[in-house]
Amino acid sequence: MNHEATLLAEPRGLTISQRIKDRTQKRKLETLPRKLIEGNSLGSPEEYVVFMHGGAGANDEEWYNLRKSGANRAAQLGEKLITSGFYSPGDVAVQMVADGEYDVNLIAGIGSDKNRRGKYQFDAFSMNPDTLGIATAIGRAKNPVYASRLIQYLPDADLITSEDATIFAKEQGLTFYTKSELNAGFKAGAESRYELYTPSDTIGAIVAAKWNGIWDIAIAGSTGGMRKKRGGRVGDCGVPAAGFYVDRFINEEYGVSYIAAALLSGVGEATMHKSPAGRWVQGAMGAGTNVYLGINTVRSILKTNIDGVQGWGALAGLTIYEARNNIKRGNIVILPTVPYFPYAAYSNLSNFYIEEVPQIDDDATRTATNMNGRRIKVGTSLSSI
């Protein structure tokens, strides 16, 4: 089945005059092209989890609340799409991230800053346990995550970068911002906040759903990168196992299945060579859903200092274990080194929790929150964090 999902192309947070200008330029509704859609003929899933985060960093409560609102809106969209029965987890994860790319308060898409050469370059990924698509250093695309999704379908490439990624996106019919539109988006959202605290970049989504007793899972993410980055610079959002990873194991004979995914948001230069996302997922696949699995390892990675760059950030990891005898465990682990990490989750799973591990930042100049950790119940449909 092929179905189209629509998103408002109009960036959120711009002034009325800027929005009117956008309409006069005939930018009305952005439609996810049919060739991006896998579709789903199985109907509504038996069980599901959708998760969205809005990026690590930003020691500013007002901006944190705006970013948390954006993450929640994308998670609500994800629940609506996955429960409709029309879309695969990959379809939904990409749409959730695309929604975030239209939010001026998130450091992806319209909310991104230019690099040192005055150019806009984005990175994005789309991944499931079997296929991968990455677009890096792509220029001014409204939805870089759409480009990564299209690359995911290519038989001869998993990653396309720089000018060739931009050309590929144009050939596929994706739409682009003007430089002035991106300047306005950054000014409307993130620009003033940088004076308070240097935020991180990557936003990301995890979507897991079960049909006929079998779990499927997919992840997606996008970033505008660190402010004033070097031209052509690619962070951990463009490197599988560093900024993101997902895997699945099914043993039909014993009726056992594992799914696991991890998303990282932070300073890529200090983290991507140690592959924290991949380590978390592979560890989770080997040990079930132990919430404290690998914390010390990931902690040391997130706090790595390379050439004066501290690898602060946060990791979000989902694991679900299910066996034929109705043994089922599942959770999302939030492991931060920053004061504010906005996220939201929706699920119809019973006994499904978000485990917030105590913040592990030693920098006394930053506000320490959640030092005691939290265990948050994710309830039924339309309950959020």
Protein backbone atom coordinates (compact mmCIF):
# COMPACT_ATOMS: atom_id res chain seq x y z
CA MET A 1 0.00 0.00 0.00
CA ASN A 2 1.24 3.47 -0.84
CA HIS A 3 0.01 6.30 1.30
CA GLU A 4 1.19 9.87 1.61
CA ALA A 5 1.77 11.75 4.84
CA THR A 6 1.71 15.52 4.84
CA LEU A 7 3.52 18.06 6.95
CA LEU A 8 3.29 21.82 7.04
CA ALA A 9 6.23 23.15 5.05
CA GLU A 10 5.93 26.45 6.86
CA PRO A 11 8.65 26.74 9.54
CA ARG A 12 7.26 27.11 13.03
CA GLY A 13 8.25 30.16 15.02
CA LEU A 14 8.63 32.68 12.20
CA THR A 15 6.80 36.01 12.25
CA ILE A 16 3.43 36.47 10.55
CA SER A 17 4.99 38.55 7.77
CA GLN A 18 7.57 35.84 7.10
CA ARG A 19 4.82 33.22 7.00
CA ILE A 20 2.77 35.29 4.56
CA LYS A 21 5.83 35.65 2.35
CA ASP A 22 6.23 31.89 2.44
CA ARG A 23 2.64 31.42 1.28
CA THR A 24 2.98 33.97 -1.49
CA GLN A 25 5.88 31.96 -2.80
CA LYS A 26 3.41 29.07 -3.08
CA ARG A 27 5.05 26.91 -0.44
CA LYS A 28 1.88 25.38 0.96
CA LEU A 29 1.96 21.73 1.96
CA GLU A 30 5.03 19.55 1.74
CA THR A 31 4.04 16.02 0.80
CA LEU A 32 6.25 13.07 1.54
CA PRO A 33 6.88 11.64 -1.95
CA ARG A 34 5.40 8.24 -2.62
CA LYS A 35 8.82 6.83 -3.39
CA LEU A 36 9.79 7.50 0.23
CA ILE A 37 6.96 5.35 1.59
CA GLU A 38 7.39 1.67 2.31
CA GLY A 39 3.81 1.45 3.44
CA ASN A 40 2.26 -1.23 5.58
CA SER A 41 -0.47 -3.69 4.67
CA LEU A 42 -0.72 -5.30 8.11
CA GLY A 43 -3.00 -2.74 9.72
CA SER A 44 -2.59 -1.23 13.15
CA PRO A 45 0.22 -2.77 15.22
CA GLU A 46 -0.45 -4.90 18.26
CA GLU A 47 2.04 -2.89 20.30
CA TYR A 48 4.22 0.12 19.60
CA VAL A 49 6.67 2.64 21.03
CA VAL A 50 7.52 6.03 19.52
CA PHE A 51 10.28 8.21 20.94
CA MET A 52 11.62 11.62 19.91
CA HIS A 53 14.38 13.78 21.35
CA GLY A 54 15.16 17.41 20.61
CA GLY A 55 18.92 17.44 21.10
CA ALA A 56 21.24 17.76 24.09
CA GLY A 57 22.44 20.95 25.66
CA ALA A 58 21.05 24.46 26.13
CA ASN A 59 21.35 25.56 29.75
CA ASP A 60 18.24 27.69 29.41
CA GLU A 61 14.91 26.50 30.76
CA GLU A 62 12.74 28.55 28.41
CA TRP A 63 14.46 27.16 25.35
CA TYR A 64 14.40 23.69 26.85
CA ASN A 65 10.61 23.92 27.18
CA LEU A 66 10.29 25.03 23.55
CA ARG A 67 12.45 22.13 22.40
CA LYS A 68 10.57 19.71 24.61
CA SER A 69 7.30 20.94 23.06
CA GLY A 70 8.77 20.28 19.61
CA ALA A 71 9.83 16.76 20.61
CA ASN A 72 6.38 16.07 22.03
CA ARG A 73 4.63 17.31 18.90
CA ALA A 74 6.77 15.02 16.74
CA ALA A 75 6.10 12.07 19.06
CA GLN A 76 2.35 12.70 18.87
CA LEU A 77 2.62 12.73 15.08
CA GLY A 78 4.52 9.45 15.26
CA GLU A 79 1.83 7.81 17.35
CA LYS A 80 -0.87 9.03 14.98
CA LEU A 81 0.95 7.61 11.96
CA ILE A 82 1.96 4.25 13.44
CA THR A 83 -1.51 3.53 14.84
CA SER A 84 -3.15 4.43 11.52
CA GLY A 85 -1.87 1.12 10.19
CA PHE A 86 -0.68 2.66 6.92
CA TYR A 87 3.00 3.18 7.65
CA SER A 88 6.09 1.21 8.56
CA PRO A 89 8.35 2.20 11.49
CA GLY A 90 10.81 3.59 8.94
CA ASP A 91 8.11 5.80 7.40
CA VAL A 92 7.12 7.10 10.81
CA ALA A 93 10.62 7.76 12.15
CA VAL A 94 11.47 9.82 9.07
CA GLN A 95 8.25 11.82 9.34
CA MET A 96 8.86 12.57 13.01
CA VAL A 97 12.32 13.92 12.25
CA ALA A 98 10.99 15.88 9.26
CA ASP A 99 8.53 17.53 11.63
CA GLY A 100 11.45 18.57 13.82
CA GLU A 101 13.31 19.96 10.81
CA TYR A 102 10.54 22.57 10.48
CA ASP A 103 10.97 23.79 14.07
CA VAL A 104 13.16 26.90 14.47
CA ASN A 105 13.93 25.92 18.08
CA LEU A 106 15.65 22.68 17.12
CA ILE A 107 19.17 22.56 15.71
CA ALA A 108 18.19 20.81 12.47
CA GLY A 109 16.71 22.05 9.22
CA ILE A 110 15.28 25.56 9.55
CA GLY A 111 16.80 26.06 13.01
CA SER A 112 20.40 25.46 11.89
CA ASP A 113 23.27 27.92 11.60
CA LYS A 114 25.67 28.35 8.71
CA ASN A 115 29.26 27.12 8.75
CA ARG A 116 32.43 29.22 8.73
CA ARG A 117 32.19 29.76 4.98
CA GLY A 118 28.66 31.09 5.29
CA LYS A 119 27.03 27.96 3.86
CA TYR A 120 24.35 25.70 5.28
CA GLN A 121 25.28 22.02 5.39
CA PHE A 122 23.14 19.33 7.06
CA ASP A 123 23.60 15.69 8.01
CA ALA A 124 20.83 13.10 8.33
CA PHE A 125 20.34 9.35 8.63
CA SER A 126 17.62 6.74 8.27
CA MET A 127 18.26 3.18 9.44
CA ASN A 128 16.56 -0.11 10.22
CA PRO A 129 18.22 -3.44 11.06
CA ASP A 130 18.61 -4.28 7.38
CA THR A 131 19.23 -1.02 5.49
CA LEU A 132 20.98 2.31 5.98
CA GLY A 133 20.87 5.71 4.32
CA ILE A 134 23.03 8.73 5.19
CA ALA A 135 23.23 12.17 3.61
CA THR A 136 26.06 14.38 4.87
CA ALA A 137 27.07 17.99 4.19
CA ILE A 138 23.93 18.39 2.09
CA GLY A 139 23.05 21.98 1.29
CA ARG A 140 19.80 23.86 2.15
CA ALA A 141 17.36 20.95 1.74
CA LYS A 142 14.10 21.48 3.61
CA ASN A 143 14.20 17.89 4.80
CA PRO A 144 17.68 16.36 4.78
CA VAL A 145 16.16 13.28 6.41
CA TYR A 146 14.14 12.68 3.22
CA ALA A 147 17.40 12.52 1.28
CA SER A 148 18.77 9.93 3.70
CA ARG A 149 15.56 7.93 3.32
CA LEU A 150 15.91 7.89 -0.46
CA ILE A 151 19.54 6.82 -0.18
CA GLN A 152 18.37 3.95 2.02
CA TYR A 153 16.66 2.49 -1.07
CA LEU A 154 19.71 2.69 -3.34
CA PRO A 155 21.42 -0.57 -4.30
CA ASP A 156 24.83 1.05 -4.80
CA ALA A 157 25.27 3.57 -1.97
CA ASP A 158 24.57 3.90 1.73
CA LEU A 159 26.13 7.35 2.15
CA ILE A 160 26.27 10.31 -0.22
CA THR A 161 27.99 13.52 0.79
CA SER A 162 28.43 17.21 0.01
CA GLU A 163 27.63 18.53 -3.48
CA ASP A 164 26.69 15.08 -4.73
CA ALA A 165 24.18 14.68 -1.91
CA THR A 166 22.64 18.03 -2.83
CA ILE A 167 22.45 17.07 -6.51
CA PHE A 168 20.90 13.74 -5.59
CA ALA A 169 18.23 15.44 -3.48
CA LYS A 170 17.36 17.82 -6.32
CA GLU A 171 17.16 14.95 -8.79
CA GLN A 172 14.71 13.23 -6.45
CA GLY A 173 12.44 16.29 -6.44
CA LEU A 174 13.09 17.41 -2.85
CA THR A 175 12.54 21.10 -2.07
CA PHE A 176 15.08 23.61 -0.83
CA TYR A 177 15.16 26.77 1.28
CA THR A 178 16.70 30.01 0.13
CA LYS A 179 19.59 31.27 2.20
CA SER A 180 17.48 34.19 3.45
CA GLU A 181 14.80 31.78 4.71
CA LEU A 182 17.37 29.82 6.68
CA ASN A 183 18.86 33.04 8.04
CA ALA A 184 15.38 34.06 9.23
CA GLY A 185 14.73 30.67 10.79
CA PHE A 186 17.95 30.68 12.79
CA LYS A 187 17.37 34.27 13.91
CA ALA A 188 13.82 33.44 15.02
CA GLY A 189 14.85 30.44 17.07
CA ALA A 190 18.36 29.57 18.10
CA GLU A 191 20.53 32.63 17.53
CA SER A 192 19.90 34.47 20.80
CA ARG A 193 20.23 31.27 22.81
CA TYR A 194 23.83 30.65 21.82
CA GLU A 195 24.90 33.51 24.06
CA LEU A 196 23.56 31.56 27.05
CA TYR A 197 24.88 28.10 26.32
CA THR A 198 26.31 26.29 23.32
CA PRO A 199 23.68 23.73 22.34
CA SER A 200 24.25 20.46 20.64
CA ASP A 201 22.82 19.46 17.37
CA THR A 202 21.26 16.12 16.48
CA ILE A 203 17.54 15.40 16.85
CA GLY A 204 16.33 11.83 16.52
CA ALA A 205 13.44 9.38 16.54
CA ILE A 206 12.99 5.70 17.42
CA VAL A 207 9.88 3.79 16.30
CA ALA A 208 9.18 0.16 17.21
CA ALA A 209 6.00 -1.77 16.42
CA LYS A 210 4.83 -5.39 16.52
CA TRP A 211 2.71 -7.22 13.96
CA ASN A 212 1.84 -10.94 14.22
CA GLY A 213 4.16 -11.31 17.19
CA ILE A 214 7.19 -9.89 15.35
CA TRP A 215 8.80 -6.57 16.29
CA ASP A 216 10.03 -4.13 13.66
CA ILE A 217 12.15 -1.09 14.48
CA ALA A 218 13.66 1.95 12.73
CA ILE A 219 15.50 5.14 13.64
CA ALA A 220 16.14 8.49 11.95
CA GLY A 221 17.91 11.73 12.79
CA SER A 222 19.00 15.10 11.47
CA THR A 223 21.32 17.95 12.39
CA GLY A 224 22.58 21.33 11.27
CA GLY A 225 25.80 20.63 13.10
CA MET A 226 27.71 22.71 15.59
CA ARG A 227 27.62 26.47 15.10
CA LYS A 228 30.37 27.90 12.86
CA LYS A 229 31.63 24.43 12.03
CA ARG A 230 34.33 23.90 9.45
CA GLY A 231 33.03 23.56 5.89
CA GLY A 232 32.42 19.92 5.02
CA ARG A 233 32.56 18.88 8.68
CA VAL A 234 30.51 15.78 9.49
CA GLY A 235 29.76 14.82 13.06
CA ASP A 236 28.57 11.61 14.65
CA CYS A 237 25.12 12.01 13.05
CA GLY A 238 26.77 10.87 9.81
CA VAL A 239 28.58 7.89 11.31
CA PRO A 240 26.67 4.66 12.14
CA ALA A 241 27.48 3.15 15.55
CA ALA A 242 28.79 6.55 16.68
CA GLY A 243 25.71 8.77 16.75
CA PHE A 244 23.10 6.09 16.09
CA TYR A 245 22.57 2.36 15.74
CA VAL A 246 19.77 -0.19 15.64
CA ASP A 247 19.65 -3.98 15.63
CA ARG A 248 17.22 -6.87 15.94
CA PHE A 249 17.53 -10.56 16.82
CA ILE A 250 14.81 -13.16 16.32
CA ASN A 251 14.97 -16.83 17.33
CA GLU A 252 11.75 -18.37 16.00
CA GLU A 253 12.55 -21.80 17.42
CA TYR A 254 12.52 -20.51 20.99
CA GLY A 255 10.15 -17.63 20.36
CA VAL A 256 12.65 -15.03 21.54
CA SER A 257 13.18 -11.60 20.05
CA TYR A 258 15.30 -8.59 20.94
CA ILE A 259 15.24 -5.12 19.46
CA ALA A 260 17.56 -2.33 20.49
CA ALA A 261 18.36 1.17 19.30
CA ALA A 262 20.47 4.09 20.50
CA LEU A 263 20.64 7.76 19.54
CA LEU A 264 23.38 10.15 20.59
CA SER A 265 23.36 13.94 20.69
CA GLY A 266 26.58 15.73 21.53
CA VAL A 267 30.02 16.78 20.32
CA GLY A 268 30.84 14.37 17.51
CA GLU A 269 34.59 15.05 17.43
CA ALA A 270 34.92 13.75 20.98
CA THR A 271 32.66 10.72 20.67
CA MET A 272 32.37 9.25 17.18
CA HIS A 273 35.68 7.38 17.15
CA LYS A 274 34.54 5.33 20.17
CA SER A 275 31.17 4.25 18.78
CA PRO A 276 28.97 4.73 21.88
CA ALA A 277 25.65 4.02 20.11
CA GLY A 278 26.93 0.78 18.65
CA ARG A 279 28.41 -0.31 21.96
CA TRP A 280 25.16 0.37 23.76
CA VAL A 281 23.05 -1.60 21.27
CA GLN A 282 25.37 -4.57 21.07
CA GLY A 283 25.60 -4.68 24.85
CA ALA A 284 21.82 -4.51 25.17
CA MET A 285 21.39 -7.32 22.65
CA GLY A 286 23.60 -9.49 24.77
CA ALA A 287 22.14 -8.67 28.15
CA GLY A 288 18.43 -8.02 27.73
CA THR A 289 17.08 -4.83 29.22
CA ASN A 290 19.39 -4.16 32.12
CA VAL A 291 18.81 -0.44 32.55
CA TYR A 292 22.30 0.19 33.91
CA LEU A 293 24.07 -1.78 31.22
CA GLY A 294 27.14 -0.01 29.92
CA ILE A 295 26.63 3.22 31.83
CA ASN A 296 30.25 3.53 32.89
CA THR A 297 31.46 2.84 29.37
CA VAL A 298 29.14 5.37 27.78
CA ARG A 299 29.87 7.84 30.58
CA SER A 300 33.57 7.76 29.83
CA ILE A 301 32.90 8.19 26.11
CA LEU A 302 30.54 11.12 26.55
CA LYS A 303 33.06 12.88 28.76
CA THR A 304 36.05 12.28 26.50
CA ASN A 305 38.18 15.37 25.90
CA ILE A 306 39.93 15.53 22.53
CA ASP A 307 42.05 18.56 21.66
CA GLY A 308 40.15 20.58 24.21
CA VAL A 309 36.70 19.48 22.96
CA GLN A 310 34.58 17.90 25.67
CA GLY A 311 32.23 15.18 24.45
CA TRP A 312 29.23 16.29 26.45
CA GLY A 313 25.86 15.13 25.26
CA ALA A 314 23.25 12.48 25.93
CA LEU A 315 22.38 8.95 24.86
CA ALA A 316 18.86 7.57 24.51
CA GLY A 317 18.63 3.81 24.21
CA LEU A 318 15.57 1.61 23.69
CA THR A 319 15.49 -2.12 24.35
CA ILE A 320 12.63 -4.60 24.17
CA TYR A 321 12.94 -8.30 24.96
CA GLU A 322 10.08 -10.71 24.39
CA ALA A 323 9.79 -14.49 24.77
CA ARG A 324 7.09 -17.01 23.89
CA ASN A 325 6.20 -17.66 27.53
CA ASN A 326 5.00 -14.04 27.78
CA ILE A 327 8.17 -12.80 29.40
CA LYS A 328 8.53 -9.26 28.23
CA ARG A 329 10.80 -6.45 29.28
CA GLY A 330 11.29 -3.06 27.76
CA ASN A 331 12.51 0.42 28.55
CA ILE A 332 14.13 3.57 27.27
CA VAL A 333 17.31 4.68 29.03
CA ILE A 334 18.26 8.36 29.09
CA LEU A 335 21.92 8.87 29.94
CA PRO A 336 22.77 12.61 30.01
CA THR A 337 25.87 14.66 30.71
CA VAL A 338 23.93 17.89 30.20
CA PRO A 339 21.34 19.71 32.33
CA TYR A 340 18.55 19.71 29.73
CA PHE A 341 17.70 16.93 27.29
CA PRO A 342 14.14 17.25 25.87
CA TYR A 343 12.31 14.13 24.78
CA ALA A 344 8.85 12.56 24.55
CA ALA A 345 7.52 9.01 24.23
CA TYR A 346 4.17 7.36 23.50
CA SER A 347 3.37 3.67 23.80
CA ASN A 348 0.56 1.19 24.44
CA LEU A 349 2.92 -1.28 26.12
CA SER A 350 2.15 -2.14 29.72
CA ASN A 351 4.99 -1.84 32.23
CA PHE A 352 7.11 0.22 29.86
CA TYR A 353 9.36 2.80 31.50
CA ILE A 354 11.80 5.57 30.73
CA GLU A 355 14.79 5.29 33.03
CA GLU A 356 16.50 8.64 33.56
CA VAL A 357 19.98 7.93 34.86
CA PRO A 358 21.42 10.67 37.10
CA GLN A 359 23.22 13.40 35.22
CA ILE A 360 26.94 12.69 35.03
CA ASP A 361 28.38 16.10 34.26
CA ASP A 362 31.14 17.21 36.64
CA ASP A 363 31.25 20.79 35.39
CA ALA A 364 30.19 22.85 38.40
CA THR A 365 29.36 25.82 36.18
CA ARG A 366 26.37 23.97 34.76
CA THR A 367 23.10 23.46 36.55
CA ALA A 368 22.79 19.88 37.80
CA THR A 369 19.31 18.43 37.45
CA ASN A 370 17.84 14.97 37.96
CA MET A 371 20.81 13.98 40.09
CA ASN A 372 18.76 11.23 41.74
CA GLY A 373 17.46 9.82 38.48
CA ARG A 374 13.86 9.05 37.60
CA ARG A 375 11.81 6.05 36.52
CA ILE A 376 8.90 7.34 34.44
CA LYS A 377 5.96 5.18 33.45
CA VAL A 378 5.00 5.51 29.80
CA GLY A 379 1.29 4.86 29.76
CA THR A 380 -1.22 4.10 27.07
CA SER A 381 -2.09 6.09 23.99
CA LEU A 382 -1.57 9.86 24.20
CA SER A 383 0.40 9.88 27.41
CA SER A 384 3.71 11.70 27.12
CA ILE A 385 6.77 12.62 29.06
